[in-house]
Amino acid sequence: YTYQDDIANGFVTMQNGNRVGIAGTAVLENGSRIVSFK
């Protein structure tokens, strides 16, 4: 929940500054806007 906005953008920034890109199944809202990944 804390990182849900980052996850929706496809990456999470860790506390040390490292950035983690995410690949998976996009969860869409209204058929276009990505709101999360599963």
ModelCIF file with pLDDT and N, C-alpha, C, O atoms, coordinates in Angstrom:
data_MODEL
#
_entry.id   MODEL 
#
_entity.id                         1 
_entity.type                       polymer 
_entity.pdbx_number_of_molecules   1 
#
_entity_poly.entity_id                      1 
_entity_poly.type                           'polypeptide(L)' 
_entity_poly.nstd_linkage                   no 
_entity_poly.nstd_monomer                   no 
_entity_poly.pdbx_seq_one_letter_code       YTYQDDIANGFVTMQNGNRVGIAGTAVLENGSRIVSFK 
_entity_poly.pdbx_seq_one_letter_code_can   YTYQDDIANGFVTMQNGNRVGIAGTAVLENGSRIVSFK 
_entity_poly.pdbx_strand_id                 A 
#
loop_
_entity_poly_seq.entity_id 
_entity_poly_seq.num 
_entity_poly_seq.mon_id 
_entity_poly_seq.hetero 
1 1  TYR n 
1 2  THR n 
1 3  TYR n 
1 4  GLN n 
1 5  ASP n 
1 6  ASP n 
1 7  ILE n 
1 8  ALA n 
1 9  ASN n 
1 10 GLY n 
1 11 PHE n 
1 12 VAL n 
1 13 THR n 
1 14 MET n 
1 15 GLN n 
1 16 ASN n 
1 17 GLY n 
1 18 ASN n 
1 19 ARG n 
1 20 VAL n 
1 21 GLY n 
1 22 ILE n 
1 23 ALA n 
1 24 GLY n 
1 25 THR n 
1 26 ALA n 
1 27 VAL n 
1 28 LEU n 
1 29 GLU n 
1 30 ASN n 
1 31 GLY n 
1 32 SER n 
1 33 ARG n 
1 34 ILE n 
1 35 VAL n 
1 36 SER n 
1 37 PHE n 
1 38 LYS n 
#
_struct_asym.id          A 
_struct_asym.entity_id   1 
#
loop_
_ma_qa_metric.id 
_ma_qa_metric.mode 
_ma_qa_metric.name 
_ma_qa_metric.software_group_id 
_ma_qa_metric.type 
1 global pLDDT . pLDDT 
2 local  pLDDT . pLDDT 
#
_ma_qa_metric_global.metric_id      1 
_ma_qa_metric_global.metric_value   84.71 
_ma_qa_metric_global.model_id       1 
_ma_qa_metric_global.ordinal_id     1 
#
loop_
_ma_qa_metric_local.label_asym_id 
_ma_qa_metric_local.label_comp_id 
_ma_qa_metric_local.label_seq_id 
_ma_qa_metric_local.metric_id 
_ma_qa_metric_local.metric_value 
_ma_qa_metric_local.model_id 
_ma_qa_metric_local.ordinal_id 
A TYR 1  2 82.00 1 1  
A THR 2  2 83.00 1 2  
A TYR 3  2 84.00 1 3  
A GLN 4  2 86.00 1 4  
A ASP 5  2 83.00 1 5  
A ASP 6  2 84.00 1 6  
A ILE 7  2 86.00 1 7  
A ALA 8  2 87.00 1 8  
A ASN 9  2 84.00 1 9  
A GLY 10 2 87.00 1 10 
A PHE 11 2 87.00 1 11 
A VAL 12 2 88.00 1 12 
A THR 13 2 84.00 1 13 
A MET 14 2 84.00 1 14 
A GLN 15 2 77.00 1 15 
A ASN 16 2 77.00 1 16 
A GLY 17 2 78.00 1 17 
A ASN 18 2 87.00 1 18 
A ARG 19 2 87.00 1 19 
A VAL 20 2 92.00 1 20 
A GLY 21 2 92.00 1 21 
A ILE 22 2 94.00 1 22 
A ALA 23 2 94.00 1 23 
A GLY 24 2 90.00 1 24 
A THR 25 2 90.00 1 25 
A ALA 26 2 87.00 1 26 
A VAL 27 2 87.00 1 27 
A LEU 28 2 86.00 1 28 
A GLU 29 2 82.00 1 29 
A ASN 30 2 78.00 1 30 
A GLY 31 2 74.00 1 31 
A SER 32 2 77.00 1 32 
A ARG 33 2 80.00 1 33 
A ILE 34 2 83.00 1 34 
A VAL 35 2 82.00 1 35 
A SER 36 2 84.00 1 36 
A PHE 37 2 86.00 1 37 
A LYS 38 2 86.00 1 38 
#
loop_
_atom_site.group_PDB 
_atom_site.id 
_atom_site.type_symbol 
_atom_site.label_atom_id 
_atom_site.label_alt_id 
_atom_site.label_comp_id 
_atom_site.label_asym_id 
_atom_site.label_entity_id 
_atom_site.label_seq_id 
_atom_site.pdbx_PDB_ins_code 
_atom_site.Cartn_x 
_atom_site.Cartn_y 
_atom_site.Cartn_z 
_atom_site.occupancy 
_atom_site.B_iso_or_equiv 
_atom_site.pdbx_formal_charge 
_atom_site.auth_seq_id 
_atom_site.auth_comp_id 
_atom_site.auth_asym_id 
_atom_site.auth_atom_id 
_atom_site.pdbx_PDB_model_num 
ATOM 1   N N  . TYR A 1 1  ? 0.827   -1.198  0.000   1.00 82.00 ? 1  TYR A N  1 
ATOM 2   C CA . TYR A 1 1  ? 0.000   0.000   0.000   1.00 82.00 ? 1  TYR A CA 1 
ATOM 3   C C  . TYR A 1 1  ? 0.869   1.258   0.000   1.00 82.00 ? 1  TYR A C  1 
ATOM 4   O O  . TYR A 1 1  ? 0.572   2.223   -0.706  1.00 82.00 ? 1  TYR A O  1 
ATOM 5   N N  . THR A 1 2  ? 1.952   1.244   0.802   1.00 83.00 ? 2  THR A N  1 
ATOM 6   C CA . THR A 1 2  ? 2.840   2.407   0.890   1.00 83.00 ? 2  THR A CA 1 
ATOM 7   C C  . THR A 1 2  ? 3.444   2.745   -0.467  1.00 83.00 ? 2  THR A C  1 
ATOM 8   O O  . THR A 1 2  ? 3.656   3.914   -0.789  1.00 83.00 ? 2  THR A O  1 
ATOM 9   N N  . TYR A 1 3  ? 3.718   1.716   -1.256  1.00 84.00 ? 3  TYR A N  1 
ATOM 10  C CA . TYR A 1 3  ? 4.416   1.902   -2.530  1.00 84.00 ? 3  TYR A CA 1 
ATOM 11  C C  . TYR A 1 3  ? 3.493   1.794   -3.740  1.00 84.00 ? 3  TYR A C  1 
ATOM 12  O O  . TYR A 1 3  ? 3.966   1.646   -4.867  1.00 84.00 ? 3  TYR A O  1 
ATOM 13  N N  . GLN A 1 4  ? 2.172   1.867   -3.514  1.00 86.00 ? 4  GLN A N  1 
ATOM 14  C CA . GLN A 1 4  ? 1.251   1.590   -4.608  1.00 86.00 ? 4  GLN A CA 1 
ATOM 15  C C  . GLN A 1 4  ? 1.401   2.579   -5.773  1.00 86.00 ? 4  GLN A C  1 
ATOM 16  O O  . GLN A 1 4  ? 1.254   2.187   -6.931  1.00 86.00 ? 4  GLN A O  1 
ATOM 17  N N  . ASP A 1 5  ? 1.689   3.842   -5.486  1.00 83.00 ? 5  ASP A N  1 
ATOM 18  C CA . ASP A 1 5  ? 1.873   4.809   -6.571  1.00 83.00 ? 5  ASP A CA 1 
ATOM 19  C C  . ASP A 1 5  ? 3.125   4.483   -7.380  1.00 83.00 ? 5  ASP A C  1 
ATOM 20  O O  . ASP A 1 5  ? 3.116   4.558   -8.608  1.00 83.00 ? 5  ASP A O  1 
ATOM 21  N N  . ASP A 1 6  ? 4.200   4.121   -6.682  1.00 84.00 ? 6  ASP A N  1 
ATOM 22  C CA . ASP A 1 6  ? 5.425   3.736   -7.382  1.00 84.00 ? 6  ASP A CA 1 
ATOM 23  C C  . ASP A 1 6  ? 5.190   2.496   -8.236  1.00 84.00 ? 6  ASP A C  1 
ATOM 24  O O  . ASP A 1 6  ? 5.611   2.441   -9.391  1.00 84.00 ? 6  ASP A O  1 
ATOM 25  N N  . ILE A 1 7  ? 4.515   1.505   -7.664  1.00 86.00 ? 7  ILE A N  1 
ATOM 26  C CA . ILE A 1 7  ? 4.251   0.266   -8.390  1.00 86.00 ? 7  ILE A CA 1 
ATOM 27  C C  . ILE A 1 7  ? 3.455   0.551   -9.657  1.00 86.00 ? 7  ILE A C  1 
ATOM 28  O O  . ILE A 1 7  ? 3.720   -0.036  -10.706 1.00 86.00 ? 7  ILE A O  1 
ATOM 29  N N  . ALA A 1 8  ? 2.475   1.455   -9.560  1.00 87.00 ? 8  ALA A N  1 
ATOM 30  C CA . ALA A 1 8  ? 1.670   1.820   -10.729 1.00 87.00 ? 8  ALA A CA 1 
ATOM 31  C C  . ALA A 1 8  ? 2.537   2.430   -11.827 1.00 87.00 ? 8  ALA A C  1 
ATOM 32  O O  . ALA A 1 8  ? 2.238   2.288   -13.012 1.00 87.00 ? 8  ALA A O  1 
ATOM 33  N N  . ASN A 1 9  ? 3.617   3.112   -11.425 1.00 84.00 ? 9  ASN A N  1 
ATOM 34  C CA . ASN A 1 9  ? 4.530   3.711   -12.404 1.00 84.00 ? 9  ASN A CA 1 
ATOM 35  C C  . ASN A 1 9  ? 5.565   2.723   -12.927 1.00 84.00 ? 9  ASN A C  1 
ATOM 36  O O  . ASN A 1 9  ? 6.342   3.043   -13.826 1.00 84.00 ? 9  ASN A O  1 
ATOM 37  N N  . GLY A 1 10 ? 5.567   1.514   -12.356 1.00 87.00 ? 10 GLY A N  1 
ATOM 38  C CA . GLY A 1 10 ? 6.456   0.479   -12.870 1.00 87.00 ? 10 GLY A CA 1 
ATOM 39  C C  . GLY A 1 10 ? 7.803   0.386   -12.205 1.00 87.00 ? 10 GLY A C  1 
ATOM 40  O O  . GLY A 1 10 ? 8.663   -0.365  -12.666 1.00 87.00 ? 10 GLY A O  1 
ATOM 41  N N  . PHE A 1 11 ? 8.014   1.126   -11.133 1.00 87.00 ? 11 PHE A N  1 
ATOM 42  C CA . PHE A 1 11 ? 9.303   1.024   -10.434 1.00 87.00 ? 11 PHE A CA 1 
ATOM 43  C C  . PHE A 1 11 ? 9.140   1.446   -8.987  1.00 87.00 ? 11 PHE A C  1 
ATOM 44  O O  . PHE A 1 11 ? 8.237   2.207   -8.639  1.00 87.00 ? 11 PHE A O  1 
ATOM 45  N N  . VAL A 1 12 ? 10.041  0.931   -8.143  1.00 88.00 ? 12 VAL A N  1 
ATOM 46  C CA . VAL A 1 12 ? 10.075  1.292   -6.722  1.00 88.00 ? 12 VAL A CA 1 
ATOM 47  C C  . VAL A 1 12 ? 11.479  1.792   -6.403  1.00 88.00 ? 12 VAL A C  1 
ATOM 48  O O  . VAL A 1 12 ? 12.466  1.171   -6.798  1.00 88.00 ? 12 VAL A O  1 
ATOM 49  N N  . THR A 1 13 ? 11.569  2.919   -5.686  1.00 84.00 ? 13 THR A N  1 
ATOM 50  C CA . THR A 1 13 ? 12.863  3.422   -5.240  1.00 84.00 ? 13 THR A CA 1 
ATOM 51  C C  . THR A 1 13 ? 13.095  2.967   -3.810  1.00 84.00 ? 13 THR A C  1 
ATOM 52  O O  . THR A 1 13 ? 12.282  3.222   -2.921  1.00 84.00 ? 13 THR A O  1 
ATOM 53  N N  . MET A 1 14 ? 14.221  2.286   -3.602  1.00 84.00 ? 14 MET A N  1 
ATOM 54  C CA . MET A 1 14 ? 14.536  1.760   -2.277  1.00 84.00 ? 14 MET A CA 1 
ATOM 55  C C  . MET A 1 14 ? 15.130  2.865   -1.395  1.00 84.00 ? 14 MET A C  1 
ATOM 56  O O  . MET A 1 14 ? 15.501  3.935   -1.878  1.00 84.00 ? 14 MET A O  1 
ATOM 57  N N  . GLN A 1 15 ? 15.209  2.581   -0.100  1.00 77.00 ? 15 GLN A N  1 
ATOM 58  C CA . GLN A 1 15 ? 15.701  3.562   0.866   1.00 77.00 ? 15 GLN A CA 1 
ATOM 59  C C  . GLN A 1 15 ? 17.130  4.001   0.557   1.00 77.00 ? 15 GLN A C  1 
ATOM 60  O O  . GLN A 1 15 ? 17.516  5.122   0.890   1.00 77.00 ? 15 GLN A O  1 
ATOM 61  N N  . ASN A 1 16 ? 17.918  3.132   -0.077  1.00 77.00 ? 16 ASN A N  1 
ATOM 62  C CA . ASN A 1 16 ? 19.315  3.463   -0.371  1.00 77.00 ? 16 ASN A CA 1 
ATOM 63  C C  . ASN A 1 16 ? 19.481  4.140   -1.729  1.00 77.00 ? 16 ASN A C  1 
ATOM 64  O O  . ASN A 1 16 ? 20.602  4.444   -2.137  1.00 77.00 ? 16 ASN A O  1 
ATOM 65  N N  . GLY A 1 17 ? 18.368  4.379   -2.432  1.00 78.00 ? 17 GLY A N  1 
ATOM 66  C CA . GLY A 1 17 ? 18.440  5.056   -3.727  1.00 78.00 ? 17 GLY A CA 1 
ATOM 67  C C  . GLY A 1 17 ? 18.432  4.132   -4.917  1.00 78.00 ? 17 GLY A C  1 
ATOM 68  O O  . GLY A 1 17 ? 18.255  4.590   -6.046  1.00 78.00 ? 17 GLY A O  1 
ATOM 69  N N  . ASN A 1 18 ? 18.621  2.825   -4.700  1.00 87.00 ? 18 ASN A N  1 
ATOM 70  C CA . ASN A 1 18 ? 18.536  1.889   -5.813  1.00 87.00 ? 18 ASN A CA 1 
ATOM 71  C C  . ASN A 1 18 ? 17.105  1.852   -6.344  1.00 87.00 ? 18 ASN A C  1 
ATOM 72  O O  . ASN A 1 18 ? 16.148  1.990   -5.581  1.00 87.00 ? 18 ASN A O  1 
ATOM 73  N N  . ARG A 1 19 ? 16.969  1.666   -7.633  1.00 87.00 ? 19 ARG A N  1 
ATOM 74  C CA . ARG A 1 19 ? 15.652  1.692   -8.255  1.00 87.00 ? 19 ARG A CA 1 
ATOM 75  C C  . ARG A 1 19 ? 15.338  0.318   -8.828  1.00 87.00 ? 19 ARG A C  1 
ATOM 76  O O  . ARG A 1 19 ? 16.191  -0.313  -9.452  1.00 87.00 ? 19 ARG A O  1 
ATOM 77  N N  . VAL A 1 20 ? 14.107  -0.141  -8.612  1.00 92.00 ? 20 VAL A N  1 
ATOM 78  C CA . VAL A 1 20 ? 13.712  -1.489  -9.016  1.00 92.00 ? 20 VAL A CA 1 
ATOM 79  C C  . VAL A 1 20 ? 12.601  -1.408  -10.060 1.00 92.00 ? 20 VAL A C  1 
ATOM 80  O O  . VAL A 1 20 ? 11.482  -0.990  -9.761  1.00 92.00 ? 20 VAL A O  1 
ATOM 81  N N  . GLY A 1 21 ? 12.922  -1.814  -11.285 1.00 92.00 ? 21 GLY A N  1 
ATOM 82  C CA . GLY A 1 21 ? 11.928  -1.881  -12.344 1.00 92.00 ? 21 GLY A CA 1 
ATOM 83  C C  . GLY A 1 21 ? 11.102  -3.155  -12.231 1.00 92.00 ? 21 GLY A C  1 
ATOM 84  O O  . GLY A 1 21 ? 11.617  -4.198  -11.828 1.00 92.00 ? 21 GLY A O  1 
ATOM 85  N N  . ILE A 1 22 ? 9.817   -3.071  -12.587 1.00 94.00 ? 22 ILE A N  1 
ATOM 86  C CA . ILE A 1 22 ? 8.870   -4.167  -12.381 1.00 94.00 ? 22 ILE A CA 1 
ATOM 87  C C  . ILE A 1 22 ? 8.311   -4.619  -13.724 1.00 94.00 ? 22 ILE A C  1 
ATOM 88  O O  . ILE A 1 22 ? 7.955   -3.794  -14.565 1.00 94.00 ? 22 ILE A O  1 
ATOM 89  N N  . ALA A 1 23 ? 8.235   -5.930  -13.921 1.00 94.00 ? 23 ALA A N  1 
ATOM 90  C CA . ALA A 1 23 ? 7.552   -6.498  -15.085 1.00 94.00 ? 23 ALA A CA 1 
ATOM 91  C C  . ALA A 1 23 ? 6.522   -7.514  -14.598 1.00 94.00 ? 23 ALA A C  1 
ATOM 92  O O  . ALA A 1 23 ? 6.799   -8.321  -13.711 1.00 94.00 ? 23 ALA A O  1 
ATOM 93  N N  . GLY A 1 24 ? 5.348   -7.461  -15.182 1.00 90.00 ? 24 GLY A N  1 
ATOM 94  C CA . GLY A 1 24 ? 4.275   -8.375  -14.798 1.00 90.00 ? 24 GLY A CA 1 
ATOM 95  C C  . GLY A 1 24 ? 3.014   -8.017  -15.548 1.00 90.00 ? 24 GLY A C  1 
ATOM 96  O O  . GLY A 1 24 ? 3.080   -7.453  -16.641 1.00 90.00 ? 24 GLY A O  1 
ATOM 97  N N  . THR A 1 25 ? 1.873   -8.333  -14.983 1.00 90.00 ? 25 THR A N  1 
ATOM 98  C CA . THR A 1 25 ? 0.583   -8.045  -15.616 1.00 90.00 ? 25 THR A CA 1 
ATOM 99  C C  . THR A 1 25 ? 0.048   -6.712  -15.106 1.00 90.00 ? 25 THR A C  1 
ATOM 100 O O  . THR A 1 25 ? -0.187  -6.540  -13.910 1.00 90.00 ? 25 THR A O  1 
ATOM 101 N N  . ALA A 1 26 ? -0.138  -5.781  -16.024 1.00 87.00 ? 26 ALA A N  1 
ATOM 102 C CA . ALA A 1 26 ? -0.645  -4.464  -15.640 1.00 87.00 ? 26 ALA A CA 1 
ATOM 103 C C  . ALA A 1 26 ? -2.119  -4.541  -15.266 1.00 87.00 ? 26 ALA A C  1 
ATOM 104 O O  . ALA A 1 26 ? -2.904  -5.213  -15.935 1.00 87.00 ? 26 ALA A O  1 
ATOM 105 N N  . VAL A 1 27 ? -2.485  -3.850  -14.193 1.00 87.00 ? 27 VAL A N  1 
ATOM 106 C CA . VAL A 1 27 ? -3.888  -3.718  -13.783 1.00 87.00 ? 27 VAL A CA 1 
ATOM 107 C C  . VAL A 1 27 ? -4.357  -2.349  -14.261 1.00 87.00 ? 27 VAL A C  1 
ATOM 108 O O  . VAL A 1 27 ? -3.813  -1.323  -13.854 1.00 87.00 ? 27 VAL A O  1 
ATOM 109 N N  . LEU A 1 28 ? -5.366  -2.337  -15.124 1.00 86.00 ? 28 LEU A N  1 
ATOM 110 C CA . LEU A 1 28 ? -5.810  -1.103  -15.754 1.00 86.00 ? 28 LEU A CA 1 
ATOM 111 C C  . LEU A 1 28 ? -7.106  -0.590  -15.153 1.00 86.00 ? 28 LEU A C  1 
ATOM 112 O O  . LEU A 1 28 ? -7.959  -1.361  -14.714 1.00 86.00 ? 28 LEU A O  1 
ATOM 113 N N  . GLU A 1 29 ? -7.233  0.735   -15.142 1.00 82.00 ? 29 GLU A N  1 
ATOM 114 C CA . GLU A 1 29 ? -8.476  1.376   -14.737 1.00 82.00 ? 29 GLU A CA 1 
ATOM 115 C C  . GLU A 1 29 ? -9.066  2.071   -15.958 1.00 82.00 ? 29 GLU A C  1 
ATOM 116 O O  . GLU A 1 29 ? -8.369  2.799   -16.664 1.00 82.00 ? 29 GLU A O  1 
ATOM 117 N N  . ASN A 1 30 ? -10.334 1.847   -16.197 1.00 78.00 ? 30 ASN A N  1 
ATOM 118 C CA . ASN A 1 30 ? -11.008 2.398   -17.381 1.00 78.00 ? 30 ASN A CA 1 
ATOM 119 C C  . ASN A 1 30 ? -10.332 1.983   -18.679 1.00 78.00 ? 30 ASN A C  1 
ATOM 120 O O  . ASN A 1 30 ? -10.399 2.676   -19.694 1.00 78.00 ? 30 ASN A O  1 
ATOM 121 N N  . GLY A 1 31 ? -9.676  0.823   -18.610 1.00 74.00 ? 31 GLY A N  1 
ATOM 122 C CA . GLY A 1 31 ? -9.098  0.255   -19.815 1.00 74.00 ? 31 GLY A CA 1 
ATOM 123 C C  . GLY A 1 31 ? -7.823  0.889   -20.314 1.00 74.00 ? 31 GLY A C  1 
ATOM 124 O O  . GLY A 1 31 ? -7.297  0.476   -21.348 1.00 74.00 ? 31 GLY A O  1 
ATOM 125 N N  . SER A 1 32 ? -7.294  1.908   -19.590 1.00 77.00 ? 32 SER A N  1 
ATOM 126 C CA . SER A 1 32 ? -6.105  2.581   -20.099 1.00 77.00 ? 32 SER A CA 1 
ATOM 127 C C  . SER A 1 32 ? -5.086  2.937   -19.010 1.00 77.00 ? 32 SER A C  1 
ATOM 128 O O  . SER A 1 32 ? -3.893  2.694   -19.193 1.00 77.00 ? 32 SER A O  1 
ATOM 129 N N  . ARG A 1 33 ? -5.524  3.503   -17.892 1.00 80.00 ? 33 ARG A N  1 
ATOM 130 C CA . ARG A 1 33 ? -4.585  3.972   -16.870 1.00 80.00 ? 33 ARG A CA 1 
ATOM 131 C C  . ARG A 1 33 ? -4.104  2.818   -15.999 1.00 80.00 ? 33 ARG A C  1 
ATOM 132 O O  . ARG A 1 33 ? -4.907  2.089   -15.418 1.00 80.00 ? 33 ARG A O  1 
ATOM 133 N N  . ILE A 1 34 ? -2.787  2.662   -15.916 1.00 83.00 ? 34 ILE A N  1 
ATOM 134 C CA . ILE A 1 34 ? -2.200  1.609   -15.086 1.00 83.00 ? 34 ILE A CA 1 
ATOM 135 C C  . ILE A 1 34 ? -2.308  2.022   -13.620 1.00 83.00 ? 34 ILE A C  1 
ATOM 136 O O  . ILE A 1 34 ? -1.857  3.103   -13.242 1.00 83.00 ? 34 ILE A O  1 
ATOM 137 N N  . VAL A 1 35 ? -2.902  1.164   -12.801 1.00 82.00 ? 35 VAL A N  1 
ATOM 138 C CA . VAL A 1 35 ? -3.040  1.469   -11.376 1.00 82.00 ? 35 VAL A CA 1 
ATOM 139 C C  . VAL A 1 35 ? -2.200  0.541   -10.510 1.00 82.00 ? 35 VAL A C  1 
ATOM 140 O O  . VAL A 1 35 ? -1.982  0.822   -9.331  1.00 82.00 ? 35 VAL A O  1 
ATOM 141 N N  . SER A 1 36 ? -1.728  -0.564  -11.084 1.00 84.00 ? 36 SER A N  1 
ATOM 142 C CA . SER A 1 36 ? -0.892  -1.484  -10.314 1.00 84.00 ? 36 SER A CA 1 
ATOM 143 C C  . SER A 1 36 ? -0.348  -2.561  -11.248 1.00 84.00 ? 36 SER A C  1 
ATOM 144 O O  . SER A 1 36 ? -0.609  -2.554  -12.451 1.00 84.00 ? 36 SER A O  1 
ATOM 145 N N  . PHE A 1 37 ? 0.419   -3.488  -10.663 1.00 86.00 ? 37 PHE A N  1 
ATOM 146 C CA . PHE A 1 37 ? 0.884   -4.681  -11.378 1.00 86.00 ? 37 PHE A CA 1 
ATOM 147 C C  . PHE A 1 37 ? 0.602   -5.898  -10.514 1.00 86.00 ? 37 PHE A C  1 
ATOM 148 O O  . PHE A 1 37 ? 0.696   -5.834  -9.288  1.00 86.00 ? 37 PHE A O  1 
ATOM 149 N N  . LYS A 1 38 ? 0.256   -7.006  -11.156 1.00 86.00 ? 38 LYS A N  1 
ATOM 150 C CA . LYS A 1 38 ? 0.090   -8.271  -10.453 1.00 86.00 ? 38 LYS A CA 1 
ATOM 151 C C  . LYS A 1 38 ? 0.887   -9.344  -11.193 1.00 86.00 ? 38 LYS A C  1 
ATOM 152 O O  . LYS A 1 38 ? 0.897   -10.502 -10.778 1.00 86.00 ? 38 LYS A O  1 
#
